N, C-alpha and C. Protein backbone atom coordinates (compact mmCIF):
# COMPACT_ATOMS: atom_id res chain seq x y z
N UNK A 1 72.25 -38.10 207.90
CA UNK A 1 70.84 -38.23 207.57
C UNK A 1 70.47 -37.27 206.44
N UNK A 2 71.29 -36.30 206.19
CA UNK A 2 71.00 -35.29 205.17
C UNK A 2 70.75 -35.91 203.80
N UNK A 3 71.51 -36.95 203.46
CA UNK A 3 71.37 -37.56 202.14
C UNK A 3 70.03 -38.28 201.96
N UNK A 4 69.29 -38.51 203.03
CA UNK A 4 68.02 -39.22 202.93
C UNK A 4 66.80 -38.30 203.07
N UNK A 5 67.02 -37.00 203.07
CA UNK A 5 65.90 -36.06 203.20
C UNK A 5 64.90 -36.19 202.07
N UNK A 6 65.34 -36.59 200.89
CA UNK A 6 64.43 -36.73 199.77
C UNK A 6 63.39 -37.81 200.03
N UNK A 7 63.68 -38.71 200.95
CA UNK A 7 62.71 -39.76 201.29
C UNK A 7 61.51 -39.20 202.06
N UNK A 8 61.74 -38.14 202.82
CA UNK A 8 60.69 -37.62 203.69
C UNK A 8 59.47 -37.11 202.93
N UNK A 9 59.67 -36.49 201.81
CA UNK A 9 58.56 -35.88 201.08
C UNK A 9 58.18 -36.63 199.82
N UNK A 10 58.57 -37.86 199.71
CA UNK A 10 58.25 -38.65 198.52
C UNK A 10 56.88 -39.31 198.71
N UNK A 11 55.88 -38.92 197.91
CA UNK A 11 54.53 -39.47 198.08
C UNK A 11 54.42 -40.94 197.66
N UNK A 12 55.43 -41.48 197.00
CA UNK A 12 55.39 -42.86 196.52
C UNK A 12 55.94 -43.86 197.54
N UNK A 13 56.48 -43.34 198.64
CA UNK A 13 57.08 -44.21 199.65
C UNK A 13 56.28 -44.16 200.94
N UNK A 14 56.22 -45.28 201.61
CA UNK A 14 55.60 -45.33 202.93
C UNK A 14 56.56 -46.03 203.89
N UNK A 15 56.42 -45.73 205.14
CA UNK A 15 57.24 -46.37 206.17
C UNK A 15 56.37 -47.32 206.97
N UNK A 16 56.91 -48.48 207.25
CA UNK A 16 56.20 -49.46 208.06
C UNK A 16 57.10 -49.88 209.21
N UNK A 17 56.48 -50.17 210.33
CA UNK A 17 57.25 -50.66 211.46
C UNK A 17 57.74 -52.07 211.13
N UNK A 18 59.00 -52.31 211.45
CA UNK A 18 59.59 -53.61 211.14
C UNK A 18 59.00 -54.69 212.05
N UNK A 19 58.58 -55.78 211.45
CA UNK A 19 58.02 -56.88 212.23
C UNK A 19 59.15 -57.80 212.70
N UNK A 20 58.93 -58.56 213.77
CA UNK A 20 59.96 -59.49 214.26
C UNK A 20 60.32 -60.53 213.19
N UNK A 21 61.54 -61.02 213.24
CA UNK A 21 62.03 -61.92 212.20
C UNK A 21 61.19 -63.18 212.07
N UNK A 22 60.65 -63.71 213.18
CA UNK A 22 59.87 -64.95 213.07
C UNK A 22 58.61 -64.75 212.24
N UNK A 23 58.13 -63.52 212.12
CA UNK A 23 56.96 -63.24 211.27
C UNK A 23 57.35 -63.10 209.80
N UNK A 24 58.61 -62.74 209.55
CA UNK A 24 59.06 -62.51 208.17
C UNK A 24 59.66 -63.73 207.50
N UNK A 25 60.10 -64.71 208.28
CA UNK A 25 60.69 -65.93 207.72
C UNK A 25 59.55 -66.85 207.27
N UNK A 26 59.58 -67.35 206.04
CA UNK A 26 58.52 -68.24 205.57
C UNK A 26 58.41 -69.51 206.42
N UNK A 27 57.21 -70.01 206.56
CA UNK A 27 56.96 -71.21 207.37
C UNK A 27 57.70 -72.43 206.81
N UNK A 28 58.01 -72.41 205.52
CA UNK A 28 58.72 -73.53 204.89
C UNK A 28 60.15 -73.67 205.43
N UNK A 29 60.67 -72.64 206.04
CA UNK A 29 62.02 -72.70 206.60
C UNK A 29 61.93 -73.09 208.08
N UNK A 30 61.41 -74.29 208.31
CA UNK A 30 61.15 -74.78 209.67
C UNK A 30 62.43 -74.83 210.51
N UNK A 31 63.55 -75.17 209.90
CA UNK A 31 64.81 -75.26 210.64
C UNK A 31 65.16 -73.92 211.28
N UNK A 32 64.91 -72.84 210.56
CA UNK A 32 65.20 -71.50 211.09
C UNK A 32 64.24 -71.18 212.24
N UNK A 33 62.96 -71.50 212.07
CA UNK A 33 61.98 -71.25 213.13
C UNK A 33 62.33 -72.04 214.40
N UNK A 34 62.75 -73.28 214.23
CA UNK A 34 63.13 -74.10 215.39
C UNK A 34 64.36 -73.53 216.08
N UNK A 35 65.33 -73.08 215.30
CA UNK A 35 66.53 -72.47 215.87
C UNK A 35 66.21 -71.19 216.63
N UNK A 36 65.31 -70.38 216.06
CA UNK A 36 64.90 -69.15 216.75
C UNK A 36 64.21 -69.47 218.07
N UNK A 37 63.40 -70.51 218.06
CA UNK A 37 62.71 -70.92 219.29
C UNK A 37 63.71 -71.36 220.36
N UNK A 38 64.70 -72.15 219.95
CA UNK A 38 65.74 -72.58 220.90
C UNK A 38 66.55 -71.38 221.40
N UNK A 39 66.86 -70.44 220.50
CA UNK A 39 67.61 -69.24 220.90
C UNK A 39 66.82 -68.41 221.89
N UNK A 40 65.51 -68.34 221.69
CA UNK A 40 64.65 -67.60 222.63
C UNK A 40 64.72 -68.23 224.02
N UNK A 41 64.76 -69.55 224.07
CA UNK A 41 64.88 -70.24 225.35
C UNK A 41 66.22 -69.99 226.02
N UNK A 42 67.28 -69.90 225.23
CA UNK A 42 68.62 -69.68 225.78
C UNK A 42 68.79 -68.23 226.24
N UNK A 43 68.38 -67.27 225.40
CA UNK A 43 68.59 -65.85 225.69
C UNK A 43 67.53 -65.26 226.61
N UNK A 44 66.37 -65.90 226.68
CA UNK A 44 65.26 -65.32 227.42
C UNK A 44 64.48 -64.36 226.53
N UNK A 45 63.29 -64.04 226.94
CA UNK A 45 62.40 -63.18 226.15
C UNK A 45 63.00 -61.80 225.88
N UNK A 46 63.58 -61.19 226.91
CA UNK A 46 64.14 -59.84 226.77
C UNK A 46 65.34 -59.83 225.81
N UNK A 47 66.25 -60.78 225.98
CA UNK A 47 67.41 -60.86 225.09
C UNK A 47 67.01 -61.15 223.66
N UNK A 48 66.01 -62.00 223.50
CA UNK A 48 65.52 -62.32 222.15
C UNK A 48 64.96 -61.08 221.47
N UNK A 49 64.11 -60.34 222.18
CA UNK A 49 63.52 -59.13 221.59
C UNK A 49 64.57 -58.09 221.26
N UNK A 50 65.58 -57.99 222.10
CA UNK A 50 66.62 -56.97 221.91
C UNK A 50 67.57 -57.31 220.77
N UNK A 51 67.99 -58.57 220.68
CA UNK A 51 69.04 -58.93 219.74
C UNK A 51 68.58 -59.69 218.50
N UNK A 52 67.63 -60.59 218.63
CA UNK A 52 67.28 -61.45 217.50
C UNK A 52 66.04 -61.01 216.72
N UNK A 53 65.03 -60.49 217.38
CA UNK A 53 63.81 -60.08 216.67
C UNK A 53 64.08 -59.06 215.56
N UNK A 54 65.03 -58.11 215.74
CA UNK A 54 65.26 -57.13 214.67
C UNK A 54 66.17 -57.60 213.52
N UNK A 55 66.62 -58.85 213.52
CA UNK A 55 67.51 -59.32 212.45
C UNK A 55 66.85 -59.17 211.08
N UNK A 56 67.67 -58.93 210.06
CA UNK A 56 67.17 -58.84 208.69
C UNK A 56 66.87 -60.22 208.13
N UNK A 57 67.81 -61.15 208.31
CA UNK A 57 67.63 -62.49 207.74
C UNK A 57 68.56 -63.48 208.43
N UNK A 58 68.20 -64.74 208.33
CA UNK A 58 69.02 -65.86 208.81
C UNK A 58 69.02 -66.92 207.73
N UNK A 59 70.18 -67.50 207.47
CA UNK A 59 70.26 -68.60 206.51
C UNK A 59 71.26 -69.61 207.04
N UNK A 60 70.93 -70.89 206.91
CA UNK A 60 71.81 -71.95 207.39
C UNK A 60 72.13 -72.89 206.25
N UNK A 61 73.42 -73.21 206.14
CA UNK A 61 73.88 -74.18 205.16
C UNK A 61 74.87 -75.10 205.86
N UNK A 62 74.48 -76.33 206.04
CA UNK A 62 75.35 -77.26 206.77
C UNK A 62 75.51 -76.81 208.20
N UNK A 63 76.75 -76.56 208.60
CA UNK A 63 77.01 -76.10 209.96
C UNK A 63 77.40 -74.62 210.00
N UNK A 64 77.08 -73.90 208.92
CA UNK A 64 77.36 -72.46 208.86
C UNK A 64 76.06 -71.68 208.91
N UNK A 65 76.01 -70.69 209.79
CA UNK A 65 74.84 -69.82 209.93
C UNK A 65 75.23 -68.42 209.46
N UNK A 66 74.47 -67.86 208.53
CA UNK A 66 74.69 -66.50 208.05
C UNK A 66 73.58 -65.62 208.61
N UNK A 67 73.98 -64.58 209.33
CA UNK A 67 73.03 -63.66 209.95
C UNK A 67 73.22 -62.29 209.32
N UNK A 68 72.13 -61.67 208.88
CA UNK A 68 72.18 -60.34 208.28
C UNK A 68 71.51 -59.35 209.22
N UNK A 69 72.22 -58.26 209.53
CA UNK A 69 71.70 -57.21 210.41
C UNK A 69 71.74 -55.87 209.67
N UNK A 70 71.11 -54.84 210.25
CA UNK A 70 71.01 -53.55 209.58
C UNK A 70 72.25 -52.68 209.73
N UNK A 71 72.88 -52.70 210.90
CA UNK A 71 73.98 -51.76 211.15
C UNK A 71 75.20 -52.48 211.74
N UNK A 72 76.33 -51.80 211.66
CA UNK A 72 77.55 -52.35 212.25
C UNK A 72 77.42 -52.44 213.77
N UNK A 73 76.69 -51.51 214.37
CA UNK A 73 76.46 -51.55 215.82
C UNK A 73 75.69 -52.81 216.21
N UNK A 74 74.63 -53.13 215.46
CA UNK A 74 73.87 -54.35 215.72
C UNK A 74 74.76 -55.58 215.57
N UNK A 75 75.63 -55.55 214.58
CA UNK A 75 76.54 -56.67 214.35
C UNK A 75 77.46 -56.87 215.56
N UNK A 76 78.04 -55.76 216.03
CA UNK A 76 78.94 -55.83 217.18
C UNK A 76 78.23 -56.37 218.41
N UNK A 77 77.04 -55.87 218.69
CA UNK A 77 76.29 -56.31 219.87
C UNK A 77 75.89 -57.79 219.74
N UNK A 78 75.49 -58.19 218.55
CA UNK A 78 75.07 -59.58 218.34
C UNK A 78 76.25 -60.53 218.55
N UNK A 79 77.40 -60.19 217.99
CA UNK A 79 78.59 -61.03 218.15
C UNK A 79 79.00 -61.09 219.62
N UNK A 80 78.94 -59.95 220.30
CA UNK A 80 79.36 -59.87 221.70
C UNK A 80 78.41 -60.63 222.63
N UNK A 81 77.11 -60.51 222.42
CA UNK A 81 76.13 -61.03 223.36
C UNK A 81 75.53 -62.39 222.99
N UNK A 82 75.50 -62.73 221.70
CA UNK A 82 74.68 -63.88 221.28
C UNK A 82 75.41 -64.98 220.53
N UNK A 83 76.67 -64.84 220.24
CA UNK A 83 77.35 -65.82 219.40
C UNK A 83 77.27 -67.25 219.95
N UNK A 84 77.59 -67.50 221.22
CA UNK A 84 77.47 -68.87 221.73
C UNK A 84 76.04 -69.39 221.69
N UNK A 85 75.07 -68.52 221.98
CA UNK A 85 73.66 -68.94 221.96
C UNK A 85 73.23 -69.31 220.55
N UNK A 86 73.66 -68.54 219.55
CA UNK A 86 73.31 -68.85 218.16
C UNK A 86 73.93 -70.18 217.72
N UNK A 87 75.19 -70.40 218.09
CA UNK A 87 75.84 -71.67 217.73
C UNK A 87 75.10 -72.85 218.33
N UNK A 88 74.72 -72.72 219.60
CA UNK A 88 74.01 -73.81 220.27
C UNK A 88 72.61 -74.00 219.70
N UNK A 89 71.88 -72.92 219.51
CA UNK A 89 70.49 -73.00 219.06
C UNK A 89 70.36 -73.56 217.65
N UNK A 90 71.30 -73.21 216.77
CA UNK A 90 71.21 -73.64 215.38
C UNK A 90 72.14 -74.80 215.05
N UNK A 91 72.91 -75.28 216.02
CA UNK A 91 73.84 -76.37 215.78
C UNK A 91 74.90 -75.99 214.77
N UNK A 92 75.36 -74.75 214.85
CA UNK A 92 76.33 -74.23 213.88
C UNK A 92 77.74 -74.23 214.47
N UNK A 93 78.71 -74.53 213.63
CA UNK A 93 80.11 -74.41 214.02
C UNK A 93 80.64 -73.02 213.70
N UNK A 94 80.11 -72.43 212.63
CA UNK A 94 80.54 -71.11 212.17
C UNK A 94 79.32 -70.21 212.08
N UNK A 95 79.42 -69.00 212.67
CA UNK A 95 78.36 -68.00 212.55
C UNK A 95 78.98 -66.76 211.92
N UNK A 96 78.47 -66.38 210.77
CA UNK A 96 78.93 -65.17 210.08
C UNK A 96 77.84 -64.12 210.21
N UNK A 97 78.22 -62.94 210.69
CA UNK A 97 77.26 -61.85 210.87
C UNK A 97 77.67 -60.72 209.93
N UNK A 98 76.74 -60.30 209.08
CA UNK A 98 77.00 -59.29 208.06
C UNK A 98 76.06 -58.12 208.26
N UNK A 99 76.59 -56.90 208.24
CA UNK A 99 75.76 -55.69 208.31
C UNK A 99 75.55 -55.17 206.89
N UNK A 100 74.31 -54.87 206.56
CA UNK A 100 74.00 -54.35 205.22
C UNK A 100 73.54 -52.91 205.27
């Protein structure tokens, strides 16, 4: 965390609480919203809030789903706990999870 100390006293930066992914995905991406809704039904409210709400982004192309998360830990937990649910909810054959 030492390398990010300069962020603490920078008057030009502000911190905001991260909103759930369904609020950040544009309404025009209805397929993603529908998939998230199905995933919420599969995982339940608690699982959804824990694993899917904090996602950075979701993108689907054909039968491939690309999921972007913040950390390697989130990636590991998502793959371990949610991979079958994501495949079912989004109708994907391949789910790629990337930590940025």
